Amino acid sequence: MCEGPMKYRTLGKTELKVSSISFGTLPLPALKREEAKKVLNEALNRGINFIDTARGYRESEELIGKAISHNRRKDFYLATKTRARREKEIMRELETSLKLLKTYYLDLYQIHYVNTDKELDDVLRNDGALSILQKLKEKGI
């Protein structure tokens, strides 16, 4: 049981004031749809304002989209991730995530599964995933 009010901190070098406890959704697909909805909304009710998911977490994005009313979108920060490394793939994954999450924006979009030096090089090179995401951010996407 959570004692006392939720504490909030600035996330890294962003201006996002996130709850000191975030809600990770990797195990969410193991729950029945109604239970997932109940758990997500209870987390928000208790002051958790940072939800972390990923395209690779089975149907977690879809569960979040169906569970949380669009009226509550202003109440939390939403982060998801992509394993894509090329612009076309990144755009396709981003569009899919936005559709499943039933939102028109993300607060944080991360590059997932960078496990080897080669993967890191692929992400960091001039036409790599990091550069692509920075360009998308500059365009307001």
N, C-alpha and C. Protein backbone atom coordinates (compact mmCIF):
# COMPACT_ATOMS: atom_id res chain seq x y z
N MET A 1 0.84 -1.18 0.00
CA MET A 1 0.00 0.00 0.00
C MET A 1 0.88 1.24 0.00
N CYS A 2 0.53 2.20 -0.78
CA CYS A 2 1.27 3.45 -0.93
C CYS A 2 0.96 4.36 0.25
N GLU A 3 2.01 4.78 0.98
CA GLU A 3 1.83 5.68 2.12
C GLU A 3 2.19 7.10 1.72
N GLY A 4 1.35 8.06 2.05
CA GLY A 4 1.65 9.46 1.80
C GLY A 4 1.53 9.84 0.34
N PRO A 5 1.75 11.13 0.07
CA PRO A 5 1.60 11.62 -1.30
C PRO A 5 2.74 11.15 -2.20
N MET A 6 2.44 11.04 -3.47
CA MET A 6 3.44 10.65 -4.46
C MET A 6 4.49 11.75 -4.57
N LYS A 7 5.74 11.35 -4.76
CA LYS A 7 6.81 12.31 -4.98
C LYS A 7 7.10 12.38 -6.47
N TYR A 8 7.52 13.55 -6.92
CA TYR A 8 7.79 13.78 -8.34
C TYR A 8 9.19 14.34 -8.52
N ARG A 9 9.81 13.96 -9.63
CA ARG A 9 11.16 14.41 -9.95
C ARG A 9 11.23 14.80 -11.42
N THR A 10 12.20 15.64 -11.74
CA THR A 10 12.44 15.98 -13.14
C THR A 10 13.14 14.81 -13.80
N LEU A 11 12.66 14.40 -14.96
CA LEU A 11 13.23 13.27 -15.69
C LEU A 11 14.45 13.75 -16.48
N GLY A 12 15.63 13.36 -16.03
CA GLY A 12 16.87 13.70 -16.73
C GLY A 12 16.97 15.19 -17.01
N LYS A 13 17.28 15.52 -18.26
CA LYS A 13 17.43 16.92 -18.68
C LYS A 13 16.16 17.45 -19.34
N THR A 14 15.06 16.76 -19.14
CA THR A 14 13.79 17.20 -19.71
C THR A 14 13.11 18.15 -18.73
N GLU A 15 11.96 18.62 -19.10
CA GLU A 15 11.15 19.43 -18.18
C GLU A 15 9.99 18.60 -17.63
N LEU A 16 10.04 17.30 -17.83
CA LEU A 16 8.96 16.43 -17.38
C LEU A 16 9.09 16.16 -15.88
N LYS A 17 8.04 16.47 -15.12
CA LYS A 17 8.00 16.17 -13.68
C LYS A 17 7.24 14.85 -13.53
N VAL A 18 8.00 13.77 -13.36
CA VAL A 18 7.40 12.44 -13.33
C VAL A 18 7.36 11.89 -11.91
N SER A 19 6.42 11.01 -11.68
CA SER A 19 6.30 10.35 -10.38
C SER A 19 7.55 9.51 -10.13
N SER A 20 7.94 9.42 -8.87
CA SER A 20 9.14 8.65 -8.53
C SER A 20 8.92 7.16 -8.77
N ILE A 21 7.68 6.75 -8.90
CA ILE A 21 7.33 5.38 -9.28
C ILE A 21 6.66 5.46 -10.64
N SER A 22 7.19 4.74 -11.60
CA SER A 22 6.56 4.72 -12.92
C SER A 22 5.79 3.41 -13.08
N PHE A 23 5.01 3.34 -14.14
CA PHE A 23 4.21 2.14 -14.41
C PHE A 23 4.77 1.47 -15.66
N GLY A 24 5.50 0.39 -15.47
CA GLY A 24 6.03 -0.40 -16.59
C GLY A 24 4.99 -1.40 -17.04
N THR A 25 4.84 -1.56 -18.35
CA THR A 25 3.72 -2.35 -18.86
C THR A 25 4.11 -3.67 -19.51
N LEU A 26 5.35 -4.11 -19.35
CA LEU A 26 5.74 -5.39 -19.93
C LEU A 26 4.80 -6.52 -19.50
N PRO A 27 4.44 -6.63 -18.20
CA PRO A 27 3.55 -7.73 -17.79
C PRO A 27 2.06 -7.48 -18.04
N LEU A 28 1.69 -6.31 -18.51
CA LEU A 28 0.27 -5.96 -18.67
C LEU A 28 -0.52 -6.95 -19.52
N PRO A 29 0.03 -7.46 -20.64
CA PRO A 29 -0.75 -8.39 -21.47
C PRO A 29 -1.13 -9.69 -20.77
N ALA A 30 -0.50 -9.99 -19.63
CA ALA A 30 -0.86 -11.21 -18.89
C ALA A 30 -2.20 -11.05 -18.16
N LEU A 31 -2.65 -9.81 -18.03
CA LEU A 31 -3.92 -9.55 -17.34
C LEU A 31 -5.09 -9.59 -18.32
N LYS A 32 -6.26 -9.88 -17.79
CA LYS A 32 -7.47 -9.75 -18.60
C LYS A 32 -7.70 -8.27 -18.86
N ARG A 33 -8.37 -7.96 -19.95
CA ARG A 33 -8.56 -6.57 -20.38
C ARG A 33 -9.16 -5.69 -19.28
N GLU A 34 -10.18 -6.16 -18.60
CA GLU A 34 -10.82 -5.36 -17.54
C GLU A 34 -9.88 -5.14 -16.37
N GLU A 35 -9.09 -6.16 -16.04
CA GLU A 35 -8.12 -6.02 -14.94
C GLU A 35 -7.03 -5.02 -15.32
N ALA A 36 -6.57 -5.07 -16.57
CA ALA A 36 -5.56 -4.12 -17.04
C ALA A 36 -6.09 -2.68 -16.94
N LYS A 37 -7.33 -2.50 -17.34
CA LYS A 37 -7.96 -1.17 -17.26
C LYS A 37 -8.01 -0.69 -15.82
N LYS A 38 -8.42 -1.58 -14.94
CA LYS A 38 -8.53 -1.23 -13.52
C LYS A 38 -7.16 -0.86 -12.94
N VAL A 39 -6.15 -1.66 -13.22
CA VAL A 39 -4.81 -1.42 -12.69
C VAL A 39 -4.23 -0.10 -13.21
N LEU A 40 -4.35 0.13 -14.51
CA LEU A 40 -3.83 1.38 -15.09
C LEU A 40 -4.51 2.61 -14.49
N ASN A 41 -5.81 2.58 -14.40
CA ASN A 41 -6.53 3.73 -13.86
C ASN A 41 -6.26 3.93 -12.37
N GLU A 42 -6.08 2.84 -11.64
CA GLU A 42 -5.75 2.96 -10.22
C GLU A 42 -4.36 3.56 -10.04
N ALA A 43 -3.42 3.18 -10.91
CA ALA A 43 -2.08 3.78 -10.85
C ALA A 43 -2.16 5.29 -11.05
N LEU A 44 -2.95 5.72 -12.03
CA LEU A 44 -3.13 7.16 -12.26
C LEU A 44 -3.82 7.82 -11.06
N ASN A 45 -4.82 7.16 -10.51
CA ASN A 45 -5.53 7.70 -9.35
C ASN A 45 -4.60 7.90 -8.16
N ARG A 46 -3.59 7.06 -8.05
CA ARG A 46 -2.65 7.14 -6.93
C ARG A 46 -1.48 8.08 -7.19
N GLY A 47 -1.49 8.74 -8.33
CA GLY A 47 -0.46 9.75 -8.59
C GLY A 47 0.66 9.33 -9.52
N ILE A 48 0.65 8.08 -9.98
CA ILE A 48 1.66 7.67 -10.95
C ILE A 48 1.33 8.39 -12.26
N ASN A 49 2.31 9.09 -12.80
CA ASN A 49 2.03 9.87 -14.01
C ASN A 49 3.00 9.56 -15.15
N PHE A 50 3.69 8.43 -15.06
CA PHE A 50 4.62 8.04 -16.13
C PHE A 50 4.37 6.58 -16.48
N ILE A 51 3.91 6.35 -17.70
CA ILE A 51 3.63 5.00 -18.18
C ILE A 51 4.63 4.65 -19.27
N ASP A 52 5.30 3.53 -19.08
CA ASP A 52 6.34 3.08 -20.01
C ASP A 52 5.90 1.80 -20.71
N THR A 53 5.97 1.80 -22.03
CA THR A 53 5.60 0.63 -22.81
C THR A 53 6.55 0.48 -23.99
N ALA A 54 6.25 -0.43 -24.88
CA ALA A 54 7.08 -0.63 -26.08
C ALA A 54 6.29 -1.44 -27.10
N ARG A 55 6.63 -1.25 -28.36
CA ARG A 55 6.01 -2.04 -29.43
C ARG A 55 6.22 -3.52 -29.17
N GLY A 56 7.35 -3.88 -28.60
CA GLY A 56 7.67 -5.29 -28.38
C GLY A 56 6.99 -5.92 -27.17
N TYR A 57 6.21 -5.17 -26.42
CA TYR A 57 5.54 -5.72 -25.24
C TYR A 57 4.17 -6.27 -25.61
N ARG A 58 4.16 -7.15 -26.59
CA ARG A 58 2.93 -7.75 -27.09
C ARG A 58 1.84 -6.70 -27.28
N GLU A 59 0.66 -6.91 -26.72
CA GLU A 59 -0.44 -5.95 -26.97
C GLU A 59 -0.56 -4.89 -25.88
N SER A 60 0.52 -4.57 -25.19
CA SER A 60 0.43 -3.57 -24.11
C SER A 60 -0.02 -2.20 -24.61
N GLU A 61 0.45 -1.78 -25.78
CA GLU A 61 0.03 -0.47 -26.30
C GLU A 61 -1.48 -0.45 -26.55
N GLU A 62 -2.00 -1.52 -27.10
CA GLU A 62 -3.44 -1.60 -27.35
C GLU A 62 -4.22 -1.58 -26.03
N LEU A 63 -3.74 -2.31 -25.03
CA LEU A 63 -4.41 -2.32 -23.73
C LEU A 63 -4.43 -0.93 -23.11
N ILE A 64 -3.32 -0.22 -23.20
CA ILE A 64 -3.26 1.14 -22.66
C ILE A 64 -4.27 2.02 -23.39
N GLY A 65 -4.27 1.94 -24.71
CA GLY A 65 -5.19 2.75 -25.51
C GLY A 65 -6.64 2.50 -25.18
N LYS A 66 -6.98 1.25 -24.92
CA LYS A 66 -8.37 0.91 -24.60
C LYS A 66 -8.72 1.18 -23.14
N ALA A 67 -7.71 1.15 -22.27
CA ALA A 67 -7.97 1.24 -20.83
C ALA A 67 -8.08 2.66 -20.32
N ILE A 68 -7.34 3.56 -20.92
CA ILE A 68 -7.29 4.92 -20.38
C ILE A 68 -8.05 5.86 -21.30
N SER A 69 -9.05 6.47 -20.75
CA SER A 69 -9.86 7.43 -21.51
C SER A 69 -8.99 8.56 -22.04
N HIS A 70 -9.29 8.98 -23.26
CA HIS A 70 -8.53 10.10 -23.83
C HIS A 70 -8.68 11.36 -22.97
N ASN A 71 -9.71 11.41 -22.13
CA ASN A 71 -9.89 12.54 -21.21
C ASN A 71 -8.79 12.58 -20.15
N ARG A 72 -8.14 11.44 -19.91
CA ARG A 72 -7.09 11.38 -18.89
C ARG A 72 -5.70 11.58 -19.48
N ARG A 73 -5.58 11.72 -20.79
CA ARG A 73 -4.25 11.79 -21.42
C ARG A 73 -3.40 12.91 -20.83
N LYS A 74 -4.00 14.00 -20.45
CA LYS A 74 -3.24 15.12 -19.88
C LYS A 74 -2.71 14.80 -18.48
N ASP A 75 -3.16 13.71 -17.88
CA ASP A 75 -2.78 13.36 -16.51
C ASP A 75 -1.49 12.56 -16.42
N PHE A 76 -0.93 12.15 -17.55
CA PHE A 76 0.26 11.31 -17.47
C PHE A 76 1.18 11.51 -18.67
N TYR A 77 2.43 11.13 -18.46
CA TYR A 77 3.42 11.10 -19.54
C TYR A 77 3.46 9.69 -20.08
N LEU A 78 3.62 9.59 -21.38
CA LEU A 78 3.59 8.30 -22.04
C LEU A 78 4.88 8.10 -22.83
N ALA A 79 5.55 7.00 -22.54
CA ALA A 79 6.78 6.65 -23.24
C ALA A 79 6.61 5.30 -23.91
N THR A 80 7.08 5.19 -25.13
CA THR A 80 7.13 3.90 -25.80
C THR A 80 8.47 3.78 -26.51
N LYS A 81 8.70 2.62 -27.07
CA LYS A 81 10.00 2.33 -27.66
C LYS A 81 9.83 1.66 -29.02
N THR A 82 10.90 1.74 -29.81
CA THR A 82 10.94 1.06 -31.10
C THR A 82 12.25 0.31 -31.25
N ARG A 83 12.19 -0.80 -31.93
CA ARG A 83 13.40 -1.54 -32.29
C ARG A 83 13.86 -1.15 -33.69
N ALA A 84 13.06 -0.35 -34.39
CA ALA A 84 13.37 0.03 -35.77
C ALA A 84 14.65 0.85 -35.82
N ARG A 85 15.35 0.73 -36.95
CA ARG A 85 16.62 1.44 -37.11
C ARG A 85 16.63 2.34 -38.35
N ARG A 86 15.64 2.22 -39.21
CA ARG A 86 15.58 3.00 -40.45
C ARG A 86 14.33 3.87 -40.46
N GLU A 87 14.41 4.99 -41.19
CA GLU A 87 13.34 5.99 -41.14
C GLU A 87 11.96 5.42 -41.47
N LYS A 88 11.87 4.66 -42.54
CA LYS A 88 10.57 4.11 -42.96
C LYS A 88 10.00 3.21 -41.86
N GLU A 89 10.86 2.37 -41.27
CA GLU A 89 10.41 1.47 -40.20
C GLU A 89 10.01 2.26 -38.95
N ILE A 90 10.82 3.27 -38.62
CA ILE A 90 10.52 4.09 -37.44
C ILE A 90 9.16 4.78 -37.61
N MET A 91 8.93 5.36 -38.78
CA MET A 91 7.65 6.04 -39.03
C MET A 91 6.48 5.06 -38.95
N ARG A 92 6.65 3.87 -39.51
CA ARG A 92 5.59 2.87 -39.46
C ARG A 92 5.30 2.47 -38.01
N GLU A 93 6.36 2.23 -37.24
CA GLU A 93 6.17 1.85 -35.84
C GLU A 93 5.55 2.99 -35.03
N LEU A 94 6.00 4.22 -35.29
CA LEU A 94 5.46 5.37 -34.58
C LEU A 94 3.96 5.52 -34.86
N GLU A 95 3.59 5.43 -36.11
CA GLU A 95 2.17 5.53 -36.49
C GLU A 95 1.34 4.42 -35.84
N THR A 96 1.89 3.21 -35.82
CA THR A 96 1.20 2.08 -35.19
C THR A 96 1.03 2.33 -33.70
N SER A 97 2.10 2.79 -33.04
CA SER A 97 2.03 3.06 -31.60
C SER A 97 0.98 4.12 -31.29
N LEU A 98 0.99 5.21 -32.03
CA LEU A 98 0.02 6.28 -31.79
C LEU A 98 -1.41 5.78 -31.97
N LYS A 99 -1.62 4.98 -32.99
CA LYS A 99 -2.96 4.43 -33.25
C LYS A 99 -3.40 3.51 -32.12
N LEU A 100 -2.53 2.58 -31.72
CA LEU A 100 -2.89 1.63 -30.67
C LEU A 100 -3.07 2.32 -29.32
N LEU A 101 -2.23 3.30 -29.03
CA LEU A 101 -2.30 4.02 -27.77
C LEU A 101 -3.44 5.04 -27.75
N LYS A 102 -4.05 5.25 -28.90
CA LYS A 102 -5.16 6.21 -29.04
C LYS A 102 -4.75 7.60 -28.56
N THR A 103 -3.62 8.05 -29.06
CA THR A 103 -3.13 9.38 -28.73
C THR A 103 -2.51 9.99 -29.98
N TYR A 104 -2.36 11.28 -29.99
CA TYR A 104 -1.74 11.93 -31.14
C TYR A 104 -0.32 12.39 -30.84
N TYR A 105 0.14 12.14 -29.59
CA TYR A 105 1.52 12.50 -29.26
C TYR A 105 2.09 11.57 -28.19
N LEU A 106 3.42 11.51 -28.16
CA LEU A 106 4.15 10.78 -27.13
C LEU A 106 5.01 11.79 -26.39
N ASP A 107 5.27 11.52 -25.13
CA ASP A 107 6.16 12.39 -24.36
C ASP A 107 7.61 11.95 -24.47
N LEU A 108 7.80 10.68 -24.72
CA LEU A 108 9.15 10.14 -24.86
C LEU A 108 9.11 8.96 -25.83
N TYR A 109 9.97 8.99 -26.83
CA TYR A 109 10.06 7.89 -27.80
C TYR A 109 11.50 7.41 -27.77
N GLN A 110 11.68 6.14 -27.42
CA GLN A 110 13.01 5.62 -27.16
C GLN A 110 13.42 4.54 -28.16
N ILE A 111 14.72 4.39 -28.32
CA ILE A 111 15.28 3.35 -29.16
C ILE A 111 15.52 2.14 -28.27
N HIS A 112 14.92 1.03 -28.62
CA HIS A 112 14.92 -0.17 -27.79
C HIS A 112 15.95 -1.19 -28.27
N TYR A 113 16.42 -2.00 -27.36
CA TYR A 113 17.30 -3.13 -27.66
C TYR A 113 18.59 -2.73 -28.39
N VAL A 114 19.37 -1.92 -27.74
CA VAL A 114 20.71 -1.62 -28.23
C VAL A 114 21.66 -2.42 -27.33
N ASN A 115 21.99 -3.64 -27.78
CA ASN A 115 22.70 -4.59 -26.93
C ASN A 115 24.14 -4.87 -27.33
N THR A 116 24.55 -4.45 -28.51
CA THR A 116 25.91 -4.75 -28.96
C THR A 116 26.56 -3.47 -29.49
N ASP A 117 27.88 -3.51 -29.63
CA ASP A 117 28.60 -2.37 -30.20
C ASP A 117 28.10 -2.06 -31.61
N LYS A 118 27.83 -3.11 -32.39
CA LYS A 118 27.34 -2.90 -33.76
C LYS A 118 25.98 -2.20 -33.74
N GLU A 119 25.07 -2.64 -32.86
CA GLU A 119 23.76 -1.99 -32.76
C GLU A 119 23.91 -0.54 -32.34
N LEU A 120 24.82 -0.27 -31.41
CA LEU A 120 25.07 1.10 -30.98
C LEU A 120 25.60 1.94 -32.14
N ASP A 121 26.54 1.39 -32.91
CA ASP A 121 27.06 2.09 -34.09
C ASP A 121 25.94 2.39 -35.08
N ASP A 122 25.06 1.41 -35.31
CA ASP A 122 23.93 1.61 -36.23
C ASP A 122 23.01 2.74 -35.77
N VAL A 123 22.79 2.81 -34.47
CA VAL A 123 21.91 3.84 -33.91
C VAL A 123 22.56 5.22 -34.00
N LEU A 124 23.87 5.29 -33.75
CA LEU A 124 24.56 6.58 -33.65
C LEU A 124 25.10 7.14 -34.96
N ARG A 125 25.16 6.33 -36.00
CA ARG A 125 25.74 6.84 -37.25
C ARG A 125 24.87 7.97 -37.82
N ASN A 126 25.41 8.71 -38.78
CA ASN A 126 24.74 9.91 -39.30
C ASN A 126 23.32 9.67 -39.79
N ASP A 127 23.06 8.52 -40.39
CA ASP A 127 21.70 8.22 -40.86
C ASP A 127 21.03 7.18 -39.98
N GLY A 128 21.51 7.05 -38.76
CA GLY A 128 20.98 6.05 -37.83
C GLY A 128 19.72 6.50 -37.12
N ALA A 129 19.21 5.62 -36.29
CA ALA A 129 17.93 5.85 -35.62
C ALA A 129 17.91 7.12 -34.77
N LEU A 130 19.00 7.40 -34.07
CA LEU A 130 19.03 8.60 -33.23
C LEU A 130 18.88 9.86 -34.07
N SER A 131 19.60 9.94 -35.16
CA SER A 131 19.52 11.08 -36.07
C SER A 131 18.11 11.23 -36.64
N ILE A 132 17.52 10.12 -37.01
CA ILE A 132 16.16 10.13 -37.57
C ILE A 132 15.17 10.65 -36.53
N LEU A 133 15.28 10.16 -35.29
CA LEU A 133 14.36 10.61 -34.24
C LEU A 133 14.55 12.09 -33.93
N GLN A 134 15.79 12.56 -33.95
CA GLN A 134 16.04 13.99 -33.71
C GLN A 134 15.40 14.84 -34.81
N LYS A 135 15.49 14.40 -36.05
CA LYS A 135 14.87 15.13 -37.17
C LYS A 135 13.35 15.13 -37.04
N LEU A 136 12.78 14.00 -36.64
CA LEU A 136 11.33 13.93 -36.46
C LEU A 136 10.88 14.89 -35.35
N LYS A 137 11.65 14.94 -34.27
CA LYS A 137 11.32 15.85 -33.17
C LYS A 137 11.36 17.30 -33.64
N GLU A 138 12.39 17.65 -34.41
CA GLU A 138 12.51 19.02 -34.92
C GLU A 138 11.31 19.39 -35.81
N LYS A 139 10.76 18.40 -36.51
CA LYS A 139 9.60 18.63 -37.37
C LYS A 139 8.29 18.67 -36.57
N GLY A 140 8.40 18.34 -35.29
CA GLY A 140 7.20 18.33 -34.46
C GLY A 140 6.42 17.04 -34.53
N ILE A 141 7.05 16.00 -35.02
CA ILE A 141 6.39 14.69 -35.14
C ILE A 141 6.62 13.90 -33.87
